[in-house]
Amino acid sequence: AQLKQQTGAGDEFRLCDYFDYVGGTSTGAIIAAGL
């Protein structure tokens, strides 16, 4: 929500637009893959 407001990207903004490399383990892997 904060990054959406800061970037002015609107409702289409996703965390993968900001972060370049997302890593996760176990339940974090589910979330990381989705992002």
Full PDB file with SEQRES, HELIX, SHEET, SSBOND, CRYST1, ORIGX, SCALE, CONECT and MASTER records, all heavy atoms in Angstrom:
SEQRES   1 A   35  ALA GLN LEU LYS GLN GLN THR GLY ALA GLY ASP GLU PHE          
SEQRES   2 A   35  ARG LEU CYS ASP TYR PHE ASP TYR VAL GLY GLY THR SER          
SEQRES   3 A   35  THR GLY ALA ILE ILE ALA ALA GLY LEU                          
HELIX    1 AA1 GLN A    2  THR A    7  1                                   6    
HELIX    2 AA2 GLY A   10  GLU A   12  5                                   3    
HELIX    3 AA3 LEU A   15  TYR A   18  1                                   4    
HELIX    4 AA4 THR A   27  GLY A   34  1                                   8    
CRYST1    1.000    1.000    1.000  90.00  90.00  90.00 P 1           1          
ORIGX1      1.000000  0.000000  0.000000        0.00000                         
ORIGX2      0.000000  1.000000  0.000000        0.00000                         
ORIGX3      0.000000  0.000000  1.000000        0.00000                         
SCALE1      1.000000  0.000000  0.000000        0.00000                         
SCALE2      0.000000  1.000000  0.000000        0.00000                         
SCALE3      0.000000  0.000000  1.000000        0.00000                         
ATOM      1  N   ALA A   1       0.825  -1.211   0.000  1.00  0.00           N  
ATOM      2  CA  ALA A   1       0.000   0.000   0.000  1.00  0.00           C  
ATOM      3  C   ALA A   1       0.858   1.259   0.000  1.00  0.00           C  
ATOM      4  O   ALA A   1       0.582   2.223  -0.731  1.00  0.00           O  
ATOM      5  CB  ALA A   1      -0.930  -0.013   1.212  1.00  0.00           C  
ATOM      6  N   GLN A   2       1.920   1.263   0.823  1.00  0.00           N  
ATOM      7  CA  GLN A   2       2.795   2.441   0.888  1.00  0.00           C  
ATOM      8  C   GLN A   2       3.553   2.645  -0.420  1.00  0.00           C  
ATOM      9  O   GLN A   2       3.687   3.776  -0.901  1.00  0.00           O  
ATOM     10  CB  GLN A   2       3.774   2.311   2.053  1.00  0.00           C  
ATOM     11  CG  GLN A   2       3.142   2.437   3.427  1.00  0.00           C  
ATOM     12  CD  GLN A   2       4.179   2.481   4.533  1.00  0.00           C  
ATOM     13  OE1 GLN A   2       5.335   2.858   4.323  1.00  0.00           O  
ATOM     14  NE2 GLN A   2       3.781   2.075   5.732  1.00  0.00           N  
ATOM     15  N   LEU A   3       4.058   1.552  -0.990  1.00  0.00           N  
ATOM     16  CA  LEU A   3       4.799   1.664  -2.252  1.00  0.00           C  
ATOM     17  C   LEU A   3       3.879   2.076  -3.403  1.00  0.00           C  
ATOM     18  O   LEU A   3       4.281   2.826  -4.295  1.00  0.00           O  
ATOM     19  CB  LEU A   3       5.492   0.349  -2.576  1.00  0.00           C  
ATOM     20  CG  LEU A   3       6.736   0.032  -1.737  1.00  0.00           C  
ATOM     21  CD1 LEU A   3       7.167  -1.413  -1.945  1.00  0.00           C  
ATOM     22  CD2 LEU A   3       7.866   0.988  -2.066  1.00  0.00           C  
ATOM     23  N   LYS A   4       2.655   1.607  -3.371  1.00  0.00           N  
ATOM     24  CA  LYS A   4       1.682   1.990  -4.396  1.00  0.00           C  
ATOM     25  C   LYS A   4       1.474   3.505  -4.364  1.00  0.00           C  
ATOM     26  O   LYS A   4       1.438   4.166  -5.405  1.00  0.00           O  
ATOM     27  CB  LYS A   4       0.361   1.266  -4.143  1.00  0.00           C  
ATOM     28  CG  LYS A   4      -0.696   1.503  -5.205  1.00  0.00           C  
ATOM     29  CD  LYS A   4      -2.000   0.778  -4.855  1.00  0.00           C  
ATOM     30  CE  LYS A   4      -1.823  -0.715  -4.838  1.00  0.00           C  
ATOM     31  NZ  LYS A   4      -3.113  -1.425  -4.566  1.00  0.00           N  
ATOM     32  N   GLN A   5       1.357   4.050  -3.153  1.00  0.00           N  
ATOM     33  CA  GLN A   5       1.168   5.491  -3.017  1.00  0.00           C  
ATOM     34  C   GLN A   5       2.438   6.247  -3.389  1.00  0.00           C  
ATOM     35  O   GLN A   5       2.386   7.268  -4.087  1.00  0.00           O  
ATOM     36  CB  GLN A   5       0.761   5.834  -1.586  1.00  0.00           C  
ATOM     37  CG  GLN A   5       0.475   7.304  -1.349  1.00  0.00           C  
ATOM     38  CD  GLN A   5      -0.015   7.569   0.063  1.00  0.00           C  
ATOM     39  OE1 GLN A   5       0.213   6.789   0.970  1.00  0.00           O  
ATOM     40  NE2 GLN A   5      -0.697   8.684   0.252  1.00  0.00           N  
ATOM     41  N   GLN A   6       3.591   5.748  -2.956  1.00  0.00           N  
ATOM     42  CA  GLN A   6       4.857   6.441  -3.210  1.00  0.00           C  
ATOM     43  C   GLN A   6       5.190   6.471  -4.695  1.00  0.00           C  
ATOM     44  O   GLN A   6       5.693   7.482  -5.213  1.00  0.00           O  
ATOM     45  CB  GLN A   6       5.978   5.749  -2.440  1.00  0.00           C  
ATOM     46  CG  GLN A   6       7.357   6.369  -2.672  1.00  0.00           C  
ATOM     47  CD  GLN A   6       8.422   5.725  -1.814  1.00  0.00           C  
ATOM     48  OE1 GLN A   6       8.496   5.962  -0.617  1.00  0.00           O  
ATOM     49  NE2 GLN A   6       9.268   4.892  -2.424  1.00  0.00           N  
ATOM     50  N   THR A   7       4.927   5.378  -5.396  1.00  0.00           N  
ATOM     51  CA  THR A   7       5.274   5.299  -6.812  1.00  0.00           C  
ATOM     52  C   THR A   7       4.200   5.886  -7.714  1.00  0.00           C  
ATOM     53  O   THR A   7       4.464   6.165  -8.889  1.00  0.00           O  
ATOM     54  CB  THR A   7       5.513   3.831  -7.232  1.00  0.00           C  
ATOM     55  OG1 THR A   7       4.311   3.077  -7.010  1.00  0.00           O  
ATOM     56  CG2 THR A   7       6.654   3.220  -6.439  1.00  0.00           C  
ATOM     57  N   GLY A   8       2.991   6.044  -7.184  1.00  0.00           N  
ATOM     58  CA  GLY A   8       1.890   6.561  -7.994  1.00  0.00           C  
ATOM     59  C   GLY A   8       1.471   5.603  -9.088  1.00  0.00           C  
ATOM     60  O   GLY A   8       0.896   6.014 -10.104  1.00  0.00           O  
ATOM     61  N   ALA A   9       1.733   4.292  -8.878  1.00  0.00           N  
ATOM     62  CA  ALA A   9       1.490   3.310  -9.931  1.00  0.00           C  
ATOM     63  C   ALA A   9       0.033   2.866 -10.019  1.00  0.00           C  
ATOM     64  O   ALA A   9      -0.357   2.224 -10.987  1.00  0.00           O  
ATOM     65  CB  ALA A   9       2.378   2.089  -9.708  1.00  0.00           C  
ATOM     66  N   GLY A  10      -0.774   3.166  -9.009  1.00  0.00           N  
ATOM     67  CA  GLY A  10      -2.182   2.805  -9.069  1.00  0.00           C  
ATOM     68  C   GLY A  10      -2.443   1.366  -8.682  1.00  0.00           C  
ATOM     69  O   GLY A  10      -1.563   0.654  -8.185  1.00  0.00           O  
ATOM     70  N   ASP A  11      -3.659   0.904  -8.957  1.00  0.00           N  
ATOM     71  CA  ASP A  11      -4.095  -0.409  -8.511  1.00  0.00           C  
ATOM     72  C   ASP A  11      -3.369  -1.559  -9.195  1.00  0.00           C  
ATOM     73  O   ASP A  11      -3.417  -2.688  -8.717  1.00  0.00           O  
ATOM     74  CB  ASP A  11      -5.607  -0.559  -8.743  1.00  0.00           C  
ATOM     75  CG  ASP A  11      -6.419   0.340  -7.819  1.00  0.00           C  
ATOM     76  OD1 ASP A  11      -5.868   0.760  -6.782  1.00  0.00           O  
ATOM     77  OD2 ASP A  11      -7.588   0.634  -8.144  1.00  0.00           O  
ATOM     78  N   GLU A  12      -2.716  -1.285 -10.324  1.00  0.00           N  
ATOM     79  CA  GLU A  12      -1.994  -2.348 -11.022  1.00  0.00           C  
ATOM     80  C   GLU A  12      -0.631  -2.637 -10.409  1.00  0.00           C  
ATOM     81  O   GLU A  12       0.051  -3.584 -10.807  1.00  0.00           O  
ATOM     82  CB  GLU A  12      -1.817  -1.975 -12.506  1.00  0.00           C  
ATOM     83  CG  GLU A  12      -3.129  -1.822 -13.261  1.00  0.00           C  
ATOM     84  CD  GLU A  12      -3.992  -3.066 -13.162  1.00  0.00           C  
ATOM     85  OE1 GLU A  12      -3.453  -4.164 -13.424  1.00  0.00           O  
ATOM     86  OE2 GLU A  12      -5.181  -2.941 -12.813  1.00  0.00           O  
ATOM     87  N   PHE A  13      -0.212  -1.830  -9.436  1.00  0.00           N  
ATOM     88  CA  PHE A  13       1.109  -2.019  -8.829  1.00  0.00           C  
ATOM     89  C   PHE A  13       1.181  -3.365  -8.111  1.00  0.00           C  
ATOM     90  O   PHE A  13       0.254  -3.780  -7.412  1.00  0.00           O  
ATOM     91  CB  PHE A  13       1.399  -0.896  -7.827  1.00  0.00           C  
ATOM     92  CG  PHE A  13       2.665  -1.116  -7.036  1.00  0.00           C  
ATOM     93  CD1 PHE A  13       3.890  -0.794  -7.578  1.00  0.00           C  
ATOM     94  CD2 PHE A  13       2.613  -1.680  -5.762  1.00  0.00           C  
ATOM     95  CE1 PHE A  13       5.061  -1.007  -6.856  1.00  0.00           C  
ATOM     96  CE2 PHE A  13       3.768  -1.896  -5.036  1.00  0.00           C  
ATOM     97  CZ  PHE A  13       5.000  -1.556  -5.587  1.00  0.00           C  
ATOM     98  N   ARG A  14       2.307  -4.039  -8.262  1.00  0.00           N  
ATOM     99  CA  ARG A  14       2.597  -5.284  -7.560  1.00  0.00           C  
ATOM    100  C   ARG A  14       4.004  -5.197  -6.969  1.00  0.00           C  
ATOM    101  O   ARG A  14       4.880  -4.495  -7.495  1.00  0.00           O  
ATOM    102  CB  ARG A  14       2.516  -6.488  -8.507  1.00  0.00           C  
ATOM    103  CG  ARG A  14       1.127  -6.699  -9.121  1.00  0.00           C  
ATOM    104  CD  ARG A  14       0.118  -7.167  -8.082  1.00  0.00           C  
ATOM    105  NE  ARG A  14      -1.189  -7.440  -8.680  1.00  0.00           N  
ATOM    106  CZ  ARG A  14      -2.190  -6.564  -8.752  1.00  0.00           C  
ATOM    107  NH1 ARG A  14      -2.038  -5.332  -8.259  1.00  0.00           N  
ATOM    108  NH2 ARG A  14      -3.338  -6.909  -9.300  1.00  0.00           N  
ATOM    109  N   LEU A  15       4.240  -5.935  -5.910  1.00  0.00           N  
ATOM    110  CA  LEU A  15       5.552  -5.902  -5.266  1.00  0.00           C  
ATOM    111  C   LEU A  15       6.667  -6.372  -6.194  1.00  0.00           C  
ATOM    112  O   LEU A  15       7.816  -5.955  -6.052  1.00  0.00           O  
ATOM    113  CB  LEU A  15       5.540  -6.728  -3.982  1.00  0.00           C  
ATOM    114  CG  LEU A  15       4.776  -6.091  -2.798  1.00  0.00           C  
ATOM    115  CD1 LEU A  15       4.731  -7.054  -1.619  1.00  0.00           C  
ATOM    116  CD2 LEU A  15       5.416  -4.769  -2.386  1.00  0.00           C  
ATOM    117  N   CYS A  16       6.348  -7.218  -7.175  1.00  0.00           N  
ATOM    118  CA  CYS A  16       7.373  -7.646  -8.135  1.00  0.00           C  
ATOM    119  C   CYS A  16       7.788  -6.503  -9.054  1.00  0.00           C  
ATOM    120  O   CYS A  16       8.829  -6.591  -9.719  1.00  0.00           O  
ATOM    121  CB  CYS A  16       6.882  -8.824  -8.961  1.00  0.00           C  
ATOM    122  SG  CYS A  16       5.477  -8.463 -10.023  1.00  0.00           S  
ATOM    123  N   ASP A  17       7.005  -5.421  -9.114  1.00  0.00           N  
ATOM    124  CA  ASP A  17       7.406  -4.245  -9.893  1.00  0.00           C  
ATOM    125  C   ASP A  17       8.509  -3.464  -9.179  1.00  0.00           C  
ATOM    126  O   ASP A  17       9.298  -2.770  -9.817  1.00  0.00           O  
ATOM    127  CB  ASP A  17       6.202  -3.319 -10.124  1.00  0.00           C  
ATOM    128  CG  ASP A  17       5.092  -3.996 -10.901  1.00  0.00           C  
ATOM    129  OD1 ASP A  17       5.402  -4.852 -11.747  1.00  0.00           O  
ATOM    130  OD2 ASP A  17       3.912  -3.672 -10.652  1.00  0.00           O  
ATOM    131  N   TYR A  18       8.541  -3.583  -7.854  1.00  0.00           N  
ATOM    132  CA  TYR A  18       9.528  -2.844  -7.047  1.00  0.00           C  
ATOM    133  C   TYR A  18      10.739  -3.710  -6.719  1.00  0.00           C  
ATOM    134  O   TYR A  18      11.884  -3.290  -6.893  1.00  0.00           O  
ATOM    135  CB  TYR A  18       8.868  -2.351  -5.763  1.00  0.00           C  
ATOM    136  CG  TYR A  18       9.764  -1.497  -4.901  1.00  0.00           C  
ATOM    137  CD1 TYR A  18       9.946  -0.148  -5.170  1.00  0.00           C  
ATOM    138  CD2 TYR A  18      10.446  -2.049  -3.822  1.00  0.00           C  
ATOM    139  CE1 TYR A  18      10.770   0.639  -4.382  1.00  0.00           C  
ATOM    140  CE2 TYR A  18      11.276  -1.274  -3.030  1.00  0.00           C  
ATOM    141  CZ  TYR A  18      11.433   0.067  -3.313  1.00  0.00           C  
ATOM    142  OH  TYR A  18      12.271   0.835  -2.531  1.00  0.00           O  
ATOM    143  N   PHE A  19      10.487  -4.916  -6.241  1.00  0.00           N  
ATOM    144  CA  PHE A  19      11.585  -5.816  -5.861  1.00  0.00           C  
ATOM    145  C   PHE A  19      12.072  -6.588  -7.079  1.00  0.00           C  
ATOM    146  O   PHE A  19      11.292  -7.022  -7.917  1.00  0.00           O  
ATOM    147  CB  PHE A  19      11.142  -6.766  -4.752  1.00  0.00           C  
ATOM    148  CG  PHE A  19      10.949  -6.078  -3.426  1.00  0.00           C  
ATOM    149  CD1 PHE A  19       9.686  -5.727  -2.990  1.00  0.00           C  
ATOM    150  CD2 PHE A  19      12.040  -5.756  -2.636  1.00  0.00           C  
ATOM    151  CE1 PHE A  19       9.509  -5.085  -1.786  1.00  0.00           C  
ATOM    152  CE2 PHE A  19      11.878  -5.107  -1.422  1.00  0.00           C  
ATOM    153  CZ  PHE A  19      10.606  -4.768  -0.994  1.00  0.00           C  
ATOM    154  N   ASP A  20      13.389  -6.771  -7.146  1.00  0.00           N  
ATOM    155  CA  ASP A  20      14.029  -7.434  -8.280  1.00  0.00           C  
ATOM    156  C   ASP A  20      14.243  -8.928  -8.059  1.00  0.00           C  
ATOM    157  O   ASP A  20      14.316  -9.691  -9.022  1.00  0.00           O  
ATOM    158  CB  ASP A  20      15.388  -6.780  -8.563  1.00  0.00           C  
ATOM    159  CG  ASP A  20      15.256  -5.293  -8.826  1.00  0.00           C  
ATOM    160  OD1 ASP A  20      14.471  -4.922  -9.718  1.00  0.00           O  
ATOM    161  OD2 ASP A  20      15.932  -4.499  -8.139  1.00  0.00           O  
ATOM    162  N   TYR A  21      14.371  -9.327  -6.798  1.00  0.00           N  
ATOM    163  CA  TYR A  21      14.685 -10.723  -6.474  1.00  0.00           C  
ATOM    164  C   TYR A  21      13.948 -11.037  -5.182  1.00  0.00           C  
ATOM    165  O   TYR A  21      14.167 -10.388  -4.156  1.00  0.00           O  
ATOM    166  CB  TYR A  21      16.192 -10.860  -6.287  1.00  0.00           C  
ATOM    167  CG  TYR A  21      16.799 -12.234  -6.527  1.00  0.00           C  
ATOM    168  CD1 TYR A  21      18.172 -12.360  -6.776  1.00  0.00           C  
ATOM    169  CD2 TYR A  21      16.046 -13.395  -6.497  1.00  0.00           C  
ATOM    170  CE1 TYR A  21      18.769 -13.594  -6.998  1.00  0.00           C  
ATOM    171  CE2 TYR A  21      16.629 -14.635  -6.724  1.00  0.00           C  
ATOM    172  CZ  TYR A  21      17.995 -14.725  -6.971  1.00  0.00           C  
ATOM    173  OH  TYR A  21      18.577 -15.958  -7.199  1.00  0.00           O  
ATOM    174  N   VAL A  22      13.048 -12.017  -5.230  1.00  0.00           N  
ATOM    175  CA  VAL A  22      12.248 -12.391  -4.072  1.00  0.00           C  
ATOM    176  C   VAL A  22      12.588 -13.827  -3.705  1.00  0.00           C  
ATOM    177  O   VAL A  22      12.576 -14.719  -4.566  1.00  0.00           O  
ATOM    178  CB  VAL A  22      10.737 -12.264  -4.369  1.00  0.00           C  
ATOM    179  CG1 VAL A  22       9.921 -12.620  -3.132  1.00  0.00           C  
ATOM    180  CG2 VAL A  22      10.399 -10.856  -4.846  1.00  0.00           C  
ATOM    181  N   GLY A  23      12.904 -14.063  -2.434  1.00  0.00           N  
ATOM    182  CA  GLY A  23      13.261 -15.408  -1.994  1.00  0.00           C  
ATOM    183  C   GLY A  23      12.416 -15.842  -0.823  1.00  0.00           C  
ATOM    184  O   GLY A  23      12.048 -15.025   0.028  1.00  0.00           O  
ATOM    185  N   GLY A  24      12.096 -17.136  -0.766  1.00  0.00           N  
ATOM    186  CA  GLY A  24      11.288 -17.635   0.333  1.00  0.00           C  
ATOM    187  C   GLY A  24      11.584 -19.079   0.657  1.00  0.00           C  
ATOM    188  O   GLY A  24      12.026 -19.854  -0.194  1.00  0.00           O  
ATOM    189  N   THR A  25      11.323 -19.428   1.899  1.00  0.00           N  
ATOM    190  CA  THR A  25      11.471 -20.790   2.388  1.00  0.00           C  
ATOM    191  C   THR A  25      10.138 -21.257   2.946  1.00  0.00           C  
ATOM    192  O   THR A  25       9.475 -20.513   3.665  1.00  0.00           O  
ATOM    193  CB  THR A  25      12.539 -20.860   3.497  1.00  0.00           C  
ATOM    194  OG1 THR A  25      13.786 -20.394   2.996  1.00  0.00           O  
ATOM    195  CG2 THR A  25      12.705 -22.269   4.019  1.00  0.00           C  
ATOM    196  N   SER A  26       9.736 -22.486   2.601  1.00  0.00           N  
ATOM    197  CA  SER A  26       8.520 -23.082   3.129  1.00  0.00           C  
ATOM    198  C   SER A  26       7.306 -22.205   2.810  1.00  0.00           C  
ATOM    199  O   SER A  26       7.055 -21.911   1.651  1.00  0.00           O  
ATOM    200  CB  SER A  26       8.686 -23.324   4.634  1.00  0.00           C  
ATOM    201  OG  SER A  26       7.686 -24.179   5.120  1.00  0.00           O  
ATOM    202  N   THR A  27       6.570 -21.764   3.827  1.00  0.00           N  
ATOM    203  CA  THR A  27       5.421 -20.897   3.539  1.00  0.00           C  
ATOM    204  C   THR A  27       5.880 -19.616   2.840  1.00  0.00           C  
ATOM    205  O   THR A  27       5.161 -19.050   2.014  1.00  0.00           O  
ATOM    206  CB  THR A  27       4.638 -20.571   4.835  1.00  0.00           C  
ATOM    207  OG1 THR A  27       3.338 -20.100   4.506  1.00  0.00           O  
ATOM    208  CG2 THR A  27       5.344 -19.539   5.697  1.00  0.00           C  
ATOM    209  N   GLY A  28       7.102 -19.178   3.128  1.00  0.00           N  
ATOM    210  CA  GLY A  28       7.665 -18.020   2.435  1.00  0.00           C  
ATOM    211  C   GLY A  28       7.863 -18.282   0.958  1.00  0.00           C  
ATOM    212  O   GLY A  28       7.806 -17.356   0.139  1.00  0.00           O  
ATOM    213  N   ALA A  29       8.080 -19.553   0.587  1.00  0.00           N  
ATOM    214  CA  ALA A  29       8.223 -19.903  -0.828  1.00  0.00           C  
ATOM    215  C   ALA A  29       6.896 -19.771  -1.557  1.00  0.00           C  
ATOM    216  O   ALA A  29       6.851 -19.360  -2.722  1.00  0.00           O  
ATOM    217  CB  ALA A  29       8.762 -21.326  -0.964  1.00  0.00           C  
ATOM    218  N   ILE A  30       5.798 -20.137  -0.900  1.00  0.00           N  
ATOM    219  CA  ILE A  30       4.470 -19.958  -1.501  1.00  0.00           C  
ATOM    220  C   ILE A  30       4.246 -18.481  -1.811  1.00  0.00           C  
ATOM    221  O   ILE A  30       3.839 -18.094  -2.908  1.00  0.00           O  
ATOM    222  CB  ILE A  30       3.366 -20.470  -0.561  1.00  0.00           C  
ATOM    223  CG1 ILE A  30       3.502 -21.970  -0.322  1.00  0.00           C  
ATOM    224  CG2 ILE A  30       1.985 -20.141  -1.137  1.00  0.00           C  
ATOM    225  CD1 ILE A  30       2.489 -22.528   0.683  1.00  0.00           C  
ATOM    226  N   ILE A  31       4.534 -17.641  -0.812  1.00  0.00           N  
ATOM    227  CA  ILE A  31       4.305 -16.204  -0.966  1.00  0.00           C  
ATOM    228  C   ILE A  31       5.246 -15.621  -2.012  1.00  0.00           C  
ATOM    229  O   ILE A  31       4.831 -14.838  -2.878  1.00  0.00           O  
ATOM    230  CB  ILE A  31       4.478 -15.495   0.392  1.00  0.00           C  
ATOM    231  CG1 ILE A  31       3.462 -16.030   1.397  1.00  0.00           C  
ATOM    232  CG2 ILE A  31       4.335 -13.988   0.237  1.00  0.00           C  
ATOM    233  CD1 ILE A  31       3.703 -15.585   2.829  1.00  0.00           C  
ATOM    234  N   ALA A  32       6.531 -15.997  -1.946  1.00  0.00           N  
ATOM    235  CA  ALA A  32       7.514 -15.461  -2.891  1.00  0.00           C  
ATOM    236  C   ALA A  32       7.154 -15.827  -4.326  1.00  0.00           C  
ATOM    237  O   ALA A  32       7.242 -14.989  -5.238  1.00  0.00           O  
ATOM    238  CB  ALA A  32       8.913 -15.984  -2.546  1.00  0.00           C  
ATOM    239  N   ALA A  33       6.741 -17.069  -4.558  1.00  0.00           N  
ATOM    240  CA  ALA A  33       6.360 -17.499  -5.907  1.00  0.00           C  
ATOM    241  C   ALA A  33       5.153 -16.707  -6.399  1.00  0.00           C  
ATOM    242  O   ALA A  33       5.089 -16.287  -7.560  1.00  0.00           O  
ATOM    243  CB  ALA A  33       6.070 -18.988  -5.923  1.00  0.00           C  
ATOM    244  N   GLY A  34       4.185 -16.498  -5.521  1.00  0.00           N  
ATOM    245  CA  GLY A  34       3.017 -15.712  -5.898  1.00  0.00           C  
ATOM    246  C   GLY A  34       3.363 -14.283  -6.238  1.00  0.00           C  
ATOM    247  O   GLY A  34       2.884 -13.728  -7.236  1.00  0.00           O  
ATOM    248  N   LEU A  35       4.220 -13.670  -5.426  1.00  0.00           N  
ATOM    249  CA  LEU A  35       4.637 -12.285  -5.706  1.00  0.00           C  
ATOM    250  C   LEU A  35       5.388 -12.208  -7.026  1.00  0.00           C  
ATOM    251  O   LEU A  35       5.185 -11.283  -7.817  1.00  0.00           O  
ATOM    252  CB  LEU A  35       5.514 -11.765  -4.568  1.00  0.00           C  
ATOM    253  CG  LEU A  35       4.852 -11.605  -3.200  1.00  0.00           C  
ATOM    254  CD1 LEU A  35       5.869 -11.089  -2.190  1.00  0.00           C  
ATOM    255  CD2 LEU A  35       3.647 -10.673  -3.260  1.00  0.00           C  
TER     256      LEU A  35                                                      
MASTER        0    0    0    4    0    0    0    6  255    1    0    3          
END                                                                             
